[in-house]
């Protein structure tokens, strides 16, 4: 019998009333705002109402450097949350909301998979409570205010050639990367070149993921820098008079969304900042509520430990004040074989046949990546646990090879079958995580606030990526100097690079050495509270592939969604 599809499994789920799910977290019905039967927003008053409850153990789920197909990090996060109940613990899961661009592109949805999913699957992947649309509207409101400011005389002296604020849309549409606005007659605005990014890449998304309260979000929105004058002085959303309207649009979006897993574990789904150029983590307010909701709060950080986890530690934890107790590093046989350099994995295509042949030597050959990612967790004083995410076609000897690598690094490990077995398939992982979370932690940031921006970049490049040094393009050097002069030097850095390698070159697998990090330009997300150096060619507006998921998603004769994965 064929294994059922994710959508078939999700539709067979036995969902509990959302009030019961909230009750498991200690969240009263008076704090809920319902969106249909199976989703509710939680009022921000819950942060104060739950403050006297004991804090949960805080666990972040990260991974080795993934293949283009992903390694099941969300599935592992959900499976681990479900598994905690099997060992007598109460857990809450916190994940990002998926962007509809990738959902209709190659990646598909982000609700987990198999028997470790967040449900209803269709609701999660398509609109949810409209938070992404609120981000889109708030961002584009500021764009409209900006262009109107230029049209009405440009009182701020904004240099049209130094405008950094673009527009956003939650689709994959390469044709919008570069556009000209203001064409037509004199009444149609000031012509200038600009473009669109995907909504997940908006600074508004990063702000709403990092803000701890409505007043803080309002203040952060006001600090957004939209561009600079000819003298190099920043012009902000507050200067243009646009921040208040943005905050009004975002008011309800700041309340986190409550859903549940297939096994009725509470899940907070909130925010979805881009994992390449932003910090790639779910919201701080969700964690401030979830941390008082049981024995464990399990959250997920985007991509590998060199990216999402590093930003979780150095950006999100700075903003939230929360400190992690343990970290999971998801590893798969196929990814470690890819890091051996002997195989090439292409998104949208089947795995190379040679990758499916039993070969623990290939796993060991790619083990340098796992070793470095374990080291990256330990750099921050946190205990790592390796989750060996089992896929059909793996061999026991290959799982054993991963366990050997973890043991060599002094890390716990466990083979997980949560995709096919749900929480019962991840109980060994749950026990290992519970043990690790009981160990004393010495959590620390990688760099102090007072370090210069160059020192921060070079620390991450050297300690986390294994680079020999950093090379700054002349433009990047000038931008760093300008940000320091404008008082942005105390902000953390969020290095934008490929997620397919620890290095800045996606072709370099394993744990590359003998290379230098090239910084070609540097941008400031002052409202979000970080500076992001750009290393390589980063696309902030993806394009659709030759056979995107949009070709296959449809409604059947009964009005049910088909083709969603």
Protein backbone atom coordinates (compact mmCIF):
# COMPACT_ATOMS: atom_id res chain seq x y z
CA UNK A 1 0.00 0.00 0.00
CA UNK A 2 1.35 3.43 -0.93
CA UNK A 3 2.16 5.84 1.88
CA UNK A 4 -0.60 8.47 2.02
CA UNK A 5 0.14 12.02 0.91
CA UNK A 6 0.65 14.78 3.45
CA UNK A 7 -2.69 16.27 2.48
CA UNK A 8 -4.50 12.93 2.93
CA UNK A 9 -2.92 12.49 6.37
CA UNK A 10 -3.80 16.04 7.38
CA UNK A 11 -7.44 15.67 6.35
CA UNK A 12 -7.80 12.51 8.44
CA UNK A 13 -6.63 14.28 11.60
CA UNK A 14 -8.80 14.38 14.70
CA UNK A 15 -8.59 18.04 15.70
CA UNK A 16 -9.48 19.26 19.17
CA UNK A 17 -11.34 22.54 19.74
CA UNK A 18 -8.82 25.36 19.66
CA UNK A 19 -9.93 26.44 23.17
CA UNK A 20 -8.75 23.04 24.47
CA UNK A 21 -5.37 23.47 22.77
CA UNK A 22 -5.01 26.92 24.35
CA UNK A 23 -6.02 25.48 27.71
CA UNK A 24 -3.14 23.02 27.58
CA UNK A 25 -0.83 26.03 27.49
CA UNK A 26 -2.66 27.78 30.31
CA UNK A 27 -4.12 30.35 27.90
CA UNK A 28 -7.71 31.22 28.81
CA UNK A 29 -10.52 31.49 26.27
CA UNK A 30 -10.78 35.25 27.00
CA UNK A 31 -7.34 35.66 25.38
CA UNK A 32 -8.37 34.08 22.07
CA UNK A 33 -9.62 35.72 18.88
CA UNK A 34 -11.05 33.01 16.62
CA UNK A 35 -10.33 32.70 12.91
CA UNK A 36 -12.75 29.97 11.90
CA UNK A 37 -12.94 26.72 13.86
CA UNK A 38 -9.32 25.64 14.00
CA UNK A 39 -7.19 28.80 14.31
CA UNK A 40 -7.11 31.59 16.86
CA UNK A 41 -4.95 34.59 17.55
CA UNK A 42 -3.70 35.03 21.11
CA UNK A 43 -4.03 38.50 22.59
CA UNK A 44 -0.75 40.06 23.72
CA UNK A 45 -2.19 40.39 27.23
CA UNK A 46 -1.24 36.71 27.58
CA UNK A 47 2.43 37.68 28.03
CA UNK A 48 1.66 39.44 31.32
CA UNK A 49 -1.08 37.04 32.43
CA UNK A 50 1.25 34.03 32.13
CA UNK A 51 4.33 35.76 33.57
CA UNK A 52 4.07 34.03 36.96
CA UNK A 53 4.13 30.52 35.45
CA UNK A 54 7.49 28.69 35.47
CA UNK A 55 9.44 29.00 32.22
CA UNK A 56 9.72 26.02 29.90
CA UNK A 57 13.00 24.60 28.69
CA UNK A 58 13.83 26.49 25.49
CA UNK A 59 15.00 24.35 22.56
CA UNK A 60 15.99 25.53 19.07
CA UNK A 61 15.97 23.12 16.12
CA UNK A 62 18.63 23.75 13.48
CA UNK A 63 20.40 21.54 10.94
CA UNK A 64 23.49 20.72 8.98
CA UNK A 65 23.86 22.60 5.69
CA UNK A 66 20.85 21.34 3.69
CA UNK A 67 20.50 20.08 0.16
CA UNK A 68 18.14 22.06 -2.13
CA UNK A 69 15.41 19.58 -1.12
CA UNK A 70 15.59 20.39 2.62
CA UNK A 71 16.22 17.88 5.38
CA UNK A 72 12.90 17.88 7.25
CA UNK A 73 13.68 20.47 9.91
CA UNK A 74 10.07 21.58 10.36
CA UNK A 75 8.94 17.96 10.37
CA UNK A 76 11.51 17.21 13.08
CA UNK A 77 10.42 20.24 15.10
CA UNK A 78 6.80 19.08 14.98
CA UNK A 79 7.73 15.43 15.60
CA UNK A 80 9.83 16.37 18.63
CA UNK A 81 6.99 18.44 20.03
CA UNK A 82 4.63 15.48 19.66
CA UNK A 83 7.19 13.07 21.12
CA UNK A 84 7.44 15.03 24.37
CA UNK A 85 3.94 13.90 25.30
CA UNK A 86 5.02 10.28 24.80
CA UNK A 87 7.69 10.71 27.50
CA UNK A 88 5.36 12.52 29.91
CA UNK A 89 6.27 16.13 29.06
CA UNK A 90 4.15 19.03 27.84
CA UNK A 91 5.52 20.91 24.84
CA UNK A 92 4.58 23.90 22.72
CA UNK A 93 5.98 24.28 19.19
CA UNK A 94 6.76 27.65 17.57
CA UNK A 95 7.41 27.88 13.81
CA UNK A 96 7.41 30.45 11.03
CA UNK A 97 4.47 30.94 8.71
CA UNK A 98 5.28 29.85 5.15
CA UNK A 99 5.37 32.30 2.27
CA UNK A 100 2.97 31.53 -0.57
CA UNK A 101 5.74 32.27 -3.07
CA UNK A 102 7.65 29.05 -2.30
CA UNK A 103 4.35 27.20 -1.66
CA UNK A 104 3.41 27.75 -5.31
CA UNK A 105 7.04 27.44 -6.44
CA UNK A 106 9.35 24.47 -5.85
CA UNK A 107 9.49 24.09 -2.06
CA UNK A 108 5.81 23.48 -1.45
CA UNK A 109 4.24 24.08 1.97
CA UNK A 110 5.93 24.27 5.33
CA UNK A 111 3.55 22.48 7.68
CA UNK A 112 5.86 19.54 8.37
CA UNK A 113 5.24 16.21 6.70
CA UNK A 114 3.86 12.71 7.06
CA UNK A 115 2.60 12.11 10.58
CA UNK A 116 4.39 15.16 12.00
CA UNK A 117 2.35 18.05 10.64
CA UNK A 118 0.61 21.23 11.73
CA UNK A 119 -3.06 21.17 10.80
CA UNK A 120 -5.19 22.20 9.03
CA UNK A 121 -2.47 22.01 6.38
CA UNK A 122 -4.29 24.06 3.75
CA UNK A 123 -5.06 26.83 6.23
CA UNK A 124 -1.45 27.09 7.36
CA UNK A 125 -0.01 27.27 3.86
CA UNK A 126 -2.61 29.55 2.27
CA UNK A 127 -3.18 32.99 3.87
CA UNK A 128 -3.69 31.76 7.47
CA UNK A 129 -4.95 34.88 9.30
CA UNK A 130 -3.63 37.33 6.74
CA UNK A 131 -0.42 38.33 8.55
CA UNK A 132 1.63 38.21 5.34
CA UNK A 133 -0.91 40.43 3.61
CA UNK A 134 -0.70 42.91 6.49
CA UNK A 135 3.09 43.02 6.09
CA UNK A 136 2.66 43.54 2.34
CA UNK A 137 0.16 46.36 2.85
CA UNK A 138 2.18 48.10 5.57
CA UNK A 139 5.37 47.91 3.52
CA UNK A 140 3.70 49.22 0.37
CA UNK A 141 1.92 51.94 2.34
CA UNK A 142 5.36 53.32 3.18
CA UNK A 143 6.36 52.99 -0.48
CA UNK A 144 3.32 55.04 -1.48
CA UNK A 145 4.06 57.66 1.19
CA UNK A 146 7.66 57.84 -0.03
CA UNK A 147 6.75 58.41 -3.68
CA UNK A 148 4.10 60.94 -2.66
CA UNK A 149 6.76 62.71 -0.60
CA UNK A 150 8.91 63.04 -3.71
CA UNK A 151 5.94 64.25 -5.77
CA UNK A 152 4.93 66.84 -3.16
CA UNK A 153 8.34 68.53 -3.21
CA UNK A 154 10.75 66.22 -1.34
CA UNK A 155 11.03 68.36 1.81
CA UNK A 156 13.47 65.86 3.37
CA UNK A 157 15.99 66.27 0.57
CA UNK A 158 15.94 62.53 -0.12
CA UNK A 159 18.42 61.66 -2.88
CA UNK A 160 16.49 59.72 -5.53
CA UNK A 161 19.63 57.74 -6.33
CA UNK A 162 20.00 56.62 -2.70
CA UNK A 163 16.49 55.36 -2.03
CA UNK A 164 16.72 51.87 -0.50
CA UNK A 165 12.99 51.15 0.10
CA UNK A 166 11.36 49.00 -2.60
CA UNK A 167 7.96 47.31 -2.79
CA UNK A 168 6.96 43.74 -1.87
CA UNK A 169 4.55 41.02 -2.97
CA UNK A 170 4.08 37.45 -1.67
CA UNK A 171 4.70 35.71 -4.99
CA UNK A 172 7.68 34.39 -6.90
CA UNK A 173 7.85 36.81 -9.85
CA UNK A 174 11.25 37.56 -11.37
CA UNK A 175 9.73 40.08 -13.81
CA UNK A 176 9.19 42.47 -10.89
CA UNK A 177 12.78 42.50 -9.64
CA UNK A 178 13.48 45.76 -11.46
CA UNK A 179 10.75 48.20 -12.50
CA UNK A 180 10.29 51.88 -13.29
CA UNK A 181 7.52 53.74 -11.49
CA UNK A 182 6.02 57.14 -12.20
CA UNK A 183 5.71 56.75 -15.98
CA UNK A 184 2.99 58.71 -17.74
CA UNK A 185 2.30 62.42 -17.39
CA UNK A 186 3.27 64.92 -14.71
CA UNK A 187 0.39 63.88 -12.43
CA UNK A 188 1.53 60.24 -12.36
CA UNK A 189 4.49 60.76 -10.04
CA UNK A 190 8.26 61.09 -10.25
CA UNK A 191 9.81 58.52 -12.62
CA UNK A 192 12.50 56.42 -10.97
CA UNK A 193 13.88 52.89 -11.00
CA UNK A 194 12.93 50.60 -8.15
CA UNK A 195 11.70 47.00 -7.81
CA UNK A 196 9.85 44.35 -5.80
CA UNK A 197 11.07 41.88 -3.19
CA UNK A 198 9.11 38.95 -1.81
CA UNK A 199 7.12 39.82 1.32
CA UNK A 200 9.23 37.52 3.50
CA UNK A 201 12.22 39.76 2.68
CA UNK A 202 10.49 42.92 3.92
CA UNK A 203 12.03 44.74 6.86
CA UNK A 204 8.48 45.03 8.19
CA UNK A 205 8.43 41.22 8.45
CA UNK A 206 11.68 41.22 10.43
CA UNK A 207 10.38 44.00 12.69
CA UNK A 208 7.18 42.22 13.54
CA UNK A 209 9.13 39.03 14.22
CA UNK A 210 11.47 40.79 16.68
CA UNK A 211 9.18 43.27 18.46
CA UNK A 212 8.05 42.35 21.99
CA UNK A 213 5.02 44.66 22.15
CA UNK A 214 2.83 46.97 20.11
CA UNK A 215 4.65 50.13 21.28
CA UNK A 216 8.00 48.57 20.45
CA UNK A 217 6.80 47.58 16.98
CA UNK A 218 5.55 51.14 16.42
CA UNK A 219 8.93 52.55 17.44
CA UNK A 220 10.82 50.11 15.22
CA UNK A 221 8.64 50.97 12.23
CA UNK A 222 9.49 54.62 12.75
CA UNK A 223 13.23 53.82 12.64
CA UNK A 224 13.07 52.25 9.17
CA UNK A 225 15.55 54.02 6.91
CA UNK A 226 14.10 54.49 3.42
CA UNK A 227 17.11 56.24 1.93
CA UNK A 228 19.66 59.01 2.38
CA UNK A 229 20.10 62.67 1.53
CA UNK A 230 22.94 63.85 -0.69
CA UNK A 231 24.89 64.56 2.51
CA UNK A 232 24.49 60.92 3.59
CA UNK A 233 21.94 61.58 6.33
CA UNK A 234 19.30 58.85 6.84
CA UNK A 235 15.64 59.55 6.11
CA UNK A 236 13.22 57.42 8.14
CA UNK A 237 9.60 56.31 7.98
CA UNK A 238 8.98 58.65 10.90
CA UNK A 239 10.44 61.55 8.92
CA UNK A 240 8.01 60.82 6.09
CA UNK A 241 5.00 60.50 8.39
CA UNK A 242 4.30 56.90 7.38
CA UNK A 243 5.06 54.86 10.50
CA UNK A 244 1.75 55.42 12.28
CA UNK A 245 -0.33 54.10 9.38
CA UNK A 246 1.97 51.10 9.12
CA UNK A 247 1.49 50.30 12.81
CA UNK A 248 -2.29 50.47 12.43
CA UNK A 249 -2.16 47.97 9.56
CA UNK A 250 0.12 45.67 11.61
CA UNK A 251 -1.76 45.90 14.92
CA UNK A 252 -3.61 42.59 14.72
CA UNK A 253 -0.83 40.80 12.89
CA UNK A 254 1.40 41.09 15.98
CA UNK A 255 -0.85 38.63 17.85
CA UNK A 256 0.53 35.10 17.34
CA UNK A 257 -1.55 32.38 15.67
CA UNK A 258 -2.46 29.21 17.55
CA UNK A 259 -2.87 25.88 15.75
CA UNK A 260 -2.17 22.21 16.61
CA UNK A 261 -0.26 19.20 15.39
CA UNK A 262 -1.79 15.91 14.23
CA UNK A 263 -1.40 14.74 17.84
CA UNK A 264 -2.93 17.94 19.27
CA UNK A 265 0.29 19.54 20.50
CA UNK A 266 -0.10 23.35 20.62
CA UNK A 267 1.68 25.22 17.81
CA UNK A 268 2.33 28.94 17.57
CA UNK A 269 2.70 29.94 13.90
CA UNK A 270 3.90 33.50 13.56
CA UNK A 271 6.00 35.63 11.20
CA UNK A 272 8.18 34.40 8.36
CA UNK A 273 11.33 36.49 7.85
CA UNK A 274 13.49 35.44 4.90
CA UNK A 275 16.22 33.02 5.93
CA UNK A 276 18.84 34.40 3.53
CA UNK A 277 18.83 38.14 4.22
CA UNK A 278 16.91 38.33 7.50
CA UNK A 279 17.18 36.31 10.71
CA UNK A 280 14.90 33.45 9.59
CA UNK A 281 13.12 32.76 12.90
CA UNK A 282 9.53 32.88 14.14
CA UNK A 283 8.36 35.70 16.35
CA UNK A 284 9.58 36.85 19.73
CA UNK A 285 6.03 37.42 21.02
CA UNK A 286 5.12 33.80 20.22
CA UNK A 287 8.11 32.65 22.26
CA UNK A 288 7.28 35.00 25.14
CA UNK A 289 3.86 33.33 25.35
CA UNK A 290 5.02 29.78 24.57
CA UNK A 291 7.83 29.86 27.15
CA UNK A 292 5.14 29.83 29.88
CA UNK A 293 3.04 27.13 28.24
CA UNK A 294 4.45 23.85 29.56
CA UNK A 295 7.68 21.93 30.08
CA UNK A 296 9.29 22.65 26.70
CA UNK A 297 9.12 25.36 24.05
CA UNK A 298 10.52 23.98 20.79
CA UNK A 299 11.23 26.48 18.04
CA UNK A 300 12.94 26.29 14.66
CA UNK A 301 15.65 28.39 13.03
CA UNK A 302 16.01 28.61 9.25
CA UNK A 303 18.59 26.67 7.22
CA UNK A 304 21.80 25.35 8.84
CA UNK A 305 23.30 26.19 12.22
CA UNK A 306 25.70 28.61 10.50
CA UNK A 307 22.71 30.73 9.45
CA UNK A 308 19.39 30.43 11.32
CA UNK A 309 20.84 29.23 14.61
CA UNK A 310 23.61 31.84 14.63
CA UNK A 311 20.98 34.53 14.08
CA UNK A 312 18.69 32.94 16.65
CA UNK A 313 21.46 33.22 19.22
CA UNK A 314 22.86 36.64 18.30
CA UNK A 315 19.80 38.52 17.01
CA UNK A 316 16.60 36.91 18.29
CA UNK A 317 17.87 36.10 21.79
CA UNK A 318 19.23 39.64 22.06
CA UNK A 319 15.77 40.97 21.27
CA UNK A 320 13.75 38.56 23.43
CA UNK A 321 16.00 38.20 26.47
CA UNK A 322 15.31 34.44 26.42
CA UNK A 323 18.17 31.95 26.73
CA UNK A 324 18.17 28.49 25.08
CA UNK A 325 18.69 25.29 27.07
CA UNK A 326 19.51 22.93 24.19
CA UNK A 327 19.76 22.82 20.41
CA UNK A 328 18.90 20.09 17.90
CA UNK A 329 20.97 19.65 14.73
CA UNK A 330 18.97 17.76 12.10
CA UNK A 331 21.15 15.54 9.90
CA UNK A 332 20.23 13.22 7.05
CA UNK A 333 22.11 10.54 5.19
CA UNK A 334 21.43 12.18 1.84
CA UNK A 335 22.75 15.59 2.92
CA UNK A 336 25.96 14.18 4.38
CA UNK A 337 26.47 12.12 1.23
CA UNK A 338 26.03 15.33 -0.77
CA UNK A 339 28.67 17.00 1.41
CA UNK A 340 31.12 14.25 0.46
CA UNK A 341 31.31 15.99 -2.91
CA UNK A 342 30.54 12.75 -4.74
CA UNK A 343 26.89 13.55 -5.57
CA UNK A 344 24.92 16.48 -6.95
CA UNK A 345 21.39 17.14 -5.72
CA UNK A 346 19.11 19.37 -7.84
CA UNK A 347 15.82 20.78 -6.58
CA UNK A 348 12.84 19.33 -8.42
CA UNK A 349 14.76 16.28 -9.67
CA UNK A 350 15.11 12.74 -8.22
CA UNK A 351 18.15 11.94 -6.12
CA UNK A 352 21.10 10.51 -8.10
CA UNK A 353 20.85 6.68 -8.03
CA UNK A 354 24.34 6.42 -6.53
CA UNK A 355 23.13 8.27 -3.42
CA UNK A 356 20.66 5.48 -2.68
CA UNK A 357 23.30 2.76 -2.56
CA UNK A 358 24.45 1.75 0.93
CA UNK A 359 27.69 3.64 1.52
CA UNK A 360 28.58 4.72 5.08
CA UNK A 361 31.97 5.86 3.81
CA UNK A 362 30.22 8.65 1.88
CA UNK A 363 28.46 9.68 5.10
CA UNK A 364 31.78 9.84 6.94
CA UNK A 365 33.30 11.78 4.03
CA UNK A 366 30.61 14.44 4.40
CA UNK A 367 30.82 14.38 8.19
CA UNK A 368 32.94 17.55 8.35
CA UNK A 369 29.79 19.59 7.87
CA UNK A 370 28.06 17.96 10.85
CA UNK A 371 31.15 18.43 12.99
CA UNK A 372 31.31 22.14 12.17
CA UNK A 373 27.61 22.69 12.82
CA UNK A 374 27.88 20.97 16.21
CA UNK A 375 30.84 23.25 16.91
CA UNK A 376 28.75 26.28 15.87
CA UNK A 377 26.14 25.40 18.49
CA UNK A 378 28.81 24.95 21.16
CA UNK A 379 30.37 28.32 20.30
CA UNK A 380 27.30 29.81 22.01
CA UNK A 381 27.52 27.61 25.11
CA UNK A 382 24.51 25.42 24.24
CA UNK A 383 24.30 21.60 24.36
CA UNK A 384 23.71 20.05 20.90
CA UNK A 385 21.67 16.93 20.09
CA UNK A 386 21.88 15.35 16.63
CA UNK A 387 18.53 14.25 15.19
CA UNK A 388 19.19 11.57 12.57
CA UNK A 389 16.13 12.10 10.37
CA UNK A 390 15.51 8.75 8.68
CA UNK A 391 14.35 8.66 5.07
CA UNK A 392 13.12 5.65 3.06
CA UNK A 393 16.14 4.09 1.37
CA UNK A 394 18.55 4.85 4.23
CA UNK A 395 20.58 1.97 5.61
CA UNK A 396 21.26 1.22 9.30
CA UNK A 397 25.00 1.38 8.69
CA UNK A 398 24.59 4.94 7.42
CA UNK A 399 22.61 5.98 10.49
CA UNK A 400 25.34 4.40 12.59
CA UNK A 401 27.92 6.49 10.75
CA UNK A 402 26.10 9.70 11.73
CA UNK A 403 25.86 8.52 15.34
CA UNK A 404 29.62 7.84 15.34
CA UNK A 405 30.36 11.35 14.10
CA UNK A 406 28.12 12.85 16.80
CA UNK A 407 29.77 10.69 19.49
CA UNK A 408 33.22 11.80 18.35
CA UNK A 409 32.06 15.38 18.95
CA UNK A 410 30.63 14.50 22.37
CA UNK A 411 27.04 15.11 21.25
CA UNK A 412 23.98 13.00 21.92
CA UNK A 413 22.15 11.57 18.89
CA UNK A 414 18.97 9.66 18.09
CA UNK A 415 17.46 8.10 14.96
CA UNK A 416 14.00 9.54 14.27
CA UNK A 417 11.05 8.04 12.40
CA UNK A 418 8.59 10.84 13.13
CA UNK A 419 7.62 11.25 9.45
CA UNK A 420 6.18 7.73 9.30
CA UNK A 421 5.34 7.18 12.99
CA UNK A 422 4.55 10.62 14.42
CA UNK A 423 5.60 11.40 17.97
CA UNK A 424 6.18 7.74 18.80
CA UNK A 425 8.97 7.71 16.23
CA UNK A 426 10.90 10.53 17.96
CA UNK A 427 10.79 9.45 21.62
CA UNK A 428 14.52 8.66 21.68
CA UNK A 429 15.17 12.17 20.42
CA UNK A 430 12.81 13.63 23.03
CA UNK A 431 14.66 11.84 25.83
CA UNK A 432 18.03 13.00 24.52
CA UNK A 433 16.81 16.61 24.28
CA UNK A 434 15.31 16.45 27.79
CA UNK A 435 18.65 15.23 29.15
CA UNK A 436 20.62 17.89 27.30
CA UNK A 437 18.28 20.63 28.52
CA UNK A 438 19.00 19.65 32.13
CA UNK A 439 22.72 20.26 31.70
CA UNK A 440 24.13 23.57 32.93
CA UNK A 441 24.39 26.05 30.06
CA UNK A 442 26.81 28.89 29.57
CA UNK A 443 24.93 30.72 26.86
CA UNK A 444 26.85 33.60 25.32
CA UNK A 445 26.64 35.92 22.36
CA UNK A 446 29.37 35.60 19.77
CA UNK A 447 30.32 39.27 19.97
CA UNK A 448 29.58 42.28 22.22
CA UNK A 449 27.34 45.15 21.13
CA UNK A 450 30.22 47.59 21.32
CA UNK A 451 32.36 45.72 18.77
CA UNK A 452 32.65 47.50 15.41
CA UNK A 453 30.60 46.25 12.48
CA UNK A 454 33.76 44.93 10.83
CA UNK A 455 34.72 43.06 14.00
CA UNK A 456 31.28 41.46 14.14
CA UNK A 457 31.39 40.39 10.49
CA UNK A 458 34.91 39.02 10.83
CA UNK A 459 34.07 37.12 14.04
CA UNK A 460 31.19 35.29 12.35
CA UNK A 461 33.24 34.65 9.20
CA UNK A 462 36.14 33.21 11.16
CA UNK A 463 34.41 31.39 14.03
CA UNK A 464 31.17 30.17 12.39
CA UNK A 465 32.01 29.86 8.68
CA UNK A 466 35.69 28.88 9.01
CA UNK A 467 36.89 31.64 6.66
CA UNK A 468 40.46 32.89 6.70
CA UNK A 469 39.27 36.49 6.59
CA UNK A 470 36.94 39.00 4.95
CA UNK A 471 37.40 41.01 1.76
CA UNK A 472 35.31 44.19 1.51
CA UNK A 473 34.43 45.68 -1.86
CA UNK A 474 35.00 49.46 -1.95
CA UNK A 475 31.24 50.06 -1.91
CA UNK A 476 30.83 47.84 1.15
CA UNK A 477 33.66 49.61 2.98
CA UNK A 478 32.06 53.01 2.34
CA UNK A 479 28.67 51.76 3.52
CA UNK A 480 30.11 50.35 6.74
CA UNK A 481 31.84 53.66 7.45
CA UNK A 482 28.57 55.52 6.78
CA UNK A 483 26.57 53.26 9.13
CA UNK A 484 29.13 53.73 11.89
CA UNK A 485 28.96 57.52 11.44
CA UNK A 486 25.15 57.45 11.57
CA UNK A 487 25.18 55.60 14.91
CA UNK A 488 24.25 52.11 13.68
CA UNK A 489 27.50 50.45 14.78
CA UNK A 490 26.05 48.86 17.92
CA UNK A 491 23.58 46.75 15.93
CA UNK A 492 24.17 43.00 15.40
CA UNK A 493 24.94 41.75 11.91
CA UNK A 494 22.96 39.34 9.77
CA UNK A 495 25.22 38.05 6.99
CA UNK A 496 23.35 37.35 3.75
CA UNK A 497 24.91 34.40 1.97
CA UNK A 498 23.99 31.11 0.34
CA UNK A 499 22.32 28.51 2.56
CA UNK A 500 23.78 25.65 0.49
CA UNK A 501 27.29 25.94 1.93
CA UNK A 502 28.90 27.05 5.17
CA UNK A 503 31.00 29.24 2.88
CA UNK A 504 29.72 31.96 0.54
CA UNK A 505 30.10 29.65 -2.48
CA UNK A 506 27.22 27.15 -2.90
CA UNK A 507 29.54 24.77 -4.77
CA UNK A 508 31.79 24.27 -1.71
CA UNK A 509 30.53 21.34 0.37
CA UNK A 510 31.50 19.93 3.74
CA UNK A 511 33.34 22.44 5.93
CA UNK A 512 35.50 24.44 3.50
CA UNK A 513 38.79 25.97 4.61
CA UNK A 514 41.31 28.25 2.92
CA UNK A 515 38.75 30.74 1.62
CA UNK A 516 37.81 34.36 2.36
CA UNK A 517 34.35 35.88 2.74
CA UNK A 518 33.63 38.49 0.03
CA UNK A 519 31.35 41.33 1.16
CA UNK A 520 30.13 43.16 -1.94
CA UNK A 521 27.65 45.54 -0.28
CA UNK A 522 26.11 46.24 3.11
CA UNK A 523 22.52 47.28 3.87
CA UNK A 524 20.90 48.54 7.07
CA UNK A 525 17.64 47.27 8.54
CA UNK A 526 17.64 49.86 11.29
CA UNK A 527 14.03 49.29 12.33
CA UNK A 528 14.55 45.54 12.56
CA UNK A 529 17.78 46.25 14.40
CA UNK A 530 20.52 44.66 12.33
CA UNK A 531 23.00 45.38 9.57
CA UNK A 532 23.18 42.86 6.73
CA UNK A 533 26.32 42.43 4.66
CA UNK A 534 25.63 40.78 1.30
CA UNK A 535 28.05 38.07 0.20
CA UNK A 536 27.35 36.83 -3.30
CA UNK A 537 24.28 37.18 -5.51
CA UNK A 538 21.25 37.17 -3.19
CA UNK A 539 17.81 37.08 -4.82
CA UNK A 540 15.19 38.85 -2.72
CA UNK A 541 12.50 38.10 -5.30
CA UNK A 542 12.55 34.43 -6.37
CA UNK A 543 11.35 33.21 -9.75
CA UNK A 544 9.22 30.23 -10.70
CA UNK A 545 10.83 27.09 -12.12
CA UNK A 546 9.98 25.14 -15.26
CA UNK A 547 7.31 23.11 -13.47
CA UNK A 548 6.21 25.05 -10.37
CA UNK A 549 3.72 23.72 -7.86
CA UNK A 550 1.28 26.35 -9.18
CA UNK A 551 0.80 24.09 -12.23
CA UNK A 552 -0.58 21.31 -10.03
CA UNK A 553 -2.53 23.02 -7.22
CA UNK A 554 -6.24 23.15 -8.02
CA UNK A 555 -9.76 22.47 -6.79
CA UNK A 556 -11.47 19.15 -7.43
CA UNK A 557 -15.13 18.66 -8.33
CA UNK A 558 -16.09 18.93 -4.65
CA UNK A 559 -14.25 22.20 -4.15
CA UNK A 560 -11.42 20.55 -2.20
CA UNK A 561 -7.80 21.64 -2.67
CA UNK A 562 -5.57 19.16 -4.50
CA UNK A 563 -1.88 19.18 -5.37
CA UNK A 564 -0.70 20.98 -2.21
CA UNK A 565 2.38 19.40 -0.63
